[in-house]
Protein backbone atom coordinates (compact mmCIF):
# COMPACT_ATOMS: atom_id res chain seq x y z
CA UNK A 1 115.19 -48.92 -1.05
CA UNK A 2 115.80 -47.24 2.44
CA UNK A 3 113.24 -47.18 5.55
CA UNK A 4 113.43 -44.45 8.05
CA UNK A 5 113.18 -45.87 11.24
CA UNK A 6 111.43 -43.76 14.09
CA UNK A 7 112.35 -43.91 17.43
CA UNK A 8 109.35 -45.50 19.51
CA UNK A 9 107.16 -43.47 21.24
CA UNK A 10 107.83 -43.17 25.04
CA UNK A 11 104.18 -43.72 26.47
CA UNK A 12 104.18 -42.54 30.05
CA UNK A 13 104.31 -45.10 32.96
CA UNK A 14 101.57 -45.89 35.15
CA UNK A 15 102.21 -44.09 37.99
CA UNK A 16 102.66 -40.80 35.76
CA UNK A 17 99.64 -41.46 34.22
CA UNK A 18 98.02 -41.80 37.95
CA UNK A 19 99.22 -38.96 38.88
CA UNK A 20 98.15 -36.69 35.84
CA UNK A 21 94.56 -38.36 36.45
CA UNK A 22 94.77 -37.70 40.31
CA UNK A 23 95.89 -33.59 39.49
CA UNK A 24 92.90 -33.45 36.96
CA UNK A 25 90.47 -34.69 39.44
CA UNK A 26 91.88 -32.09 42.20
CA UNK A 27 91.30 -29.51 39.36
CA UNK A 28 88.08 -30.62 38.59
CA UNK A 29 86.96 -30.74 42.53
CA UNK A 30 88.44 -27.61 42.87
CA UNK A 31 86.16 -26.01 40.00
CA UNK A 32 82.95 -28.07 41.07
CA UNK A 33 83.78 -26.41 44.60
CA UNK A 34 84.13 -22.86 43.64
CA UNK A 35 80.84 -23.14 41.49
CA UNK A 36 79.09 -24.80 44.28
CA UNK A 37 80.36 -21.63 46.88
CA UNK A 38 78.89 -19.04 44.01
CA UNK A 39 75.88 -20.79 43.52
CA UNK A 40 75.21 -21.27 47.50
CA UNK A 41 76.63 -17.11 48.14
CA UNK A 42 73.80 -16.46 45.30
CA UNK A 43 70.70 -18.54 47.02
CA UNK A 44 71.65 -17.10 50.12
CA UNK A 45 71.43 -13.71 49.23
CA UNK A 46 67.84 -14.64 47.16
CA UNK A 47 66.63 -16.24 50.47
CA UNK A 48 67.47 -12.95 52.16
CA UNK A 49 66.24 -10.66 49.93
CA UNK A 50 63.10 -12.89 49.76
CA UNK A 51 62.42 -13.21 53.65
CA UNK A 52 62.29 -9.24 53.77
CA UNK A 53 59.39 -9.04 51.54
CA UNK A 54 55.83 -10.13 51.28
CA UNK A 55 56.89 -13.20 48.58
CA UNK A 56 57.89 -15.88 50.80
CA UNK A 57 54.43 -16.17 53.58
CA UNK A 58 52.64 -16.36 50.47
CA UNK A 59 54.45 -18.90 48.50
CA UNK A 60 54.60 -21.13 52.27
CA UNK A 61 50.63 -20.38 52.54
CA UNK A 62 50.63 -21.60 48.94
CA UNK A 63 52.48 -24.84 49.38
CA UNK A 64 50.61 -25.35 52.18
CA UNK A 65 47.24 -25.20 50.58
CA UNK A 66 47.97 -27.06 47.21
CA UNK A 67 51.27 -29.26 47.85
CA UNK A 68 50.96 -31.12 44.93
CA UNK A 69 50.79 -28.67 42.50
CA UNK A 70 53.54 -26.87 43.91
CA UNK A 71 55.52 -29.50 43.50
CA UNK A 72 54.85 -29.79 39.88
CA UNK A 73 55.18 -26.18 39.26
CA UNK A 74 58.64 -26.60 40.92
CA UNK A 75 59.18 -29.63 38.77
CA UNK A 76 58.48 -27.42 35.33
CA UNK A 77 60.47 -24.61 36.69
CA UNK A 78 63.44 -27.21 36.86
CA UNK A 79 62.81 -28.49 33.72
CA UNK A 80 63.02 -24.93 32.21
CA UNK A 81 66.21 -24.12 34.16
CA UNK A 82 67.77 -27.08 32.78
CA UNK A 83 67.14 -26.58 29.29
CA UNK A 84 68.40 -23.38 29.19
C-alpha cells in the first residue's frame, strides 16, 4: 500500500501578510474616501438648492419653535434611511 505525500502548503510569512493587510486597508480607505466625497458633494448641492428656496427659512423657524420635536423627527428620518 502506497501513500501519496503531498508537499506542504506554503503559507505566507508574517511580512507578506502585513503587506497584504496594509494593501487591503489602503483600498478600503480609498473607497470610503471616494464615497464620502460623493456624499459631501451631493449634500452641498442639496443645501445650495434649499437655500435658494423658501424651505430653509421655514425649517429654521420650526426648529427654533419646537427643538425636541424636530430632533425626534430627524431621528425617525435617520432610522428610516438606515433601514433602506
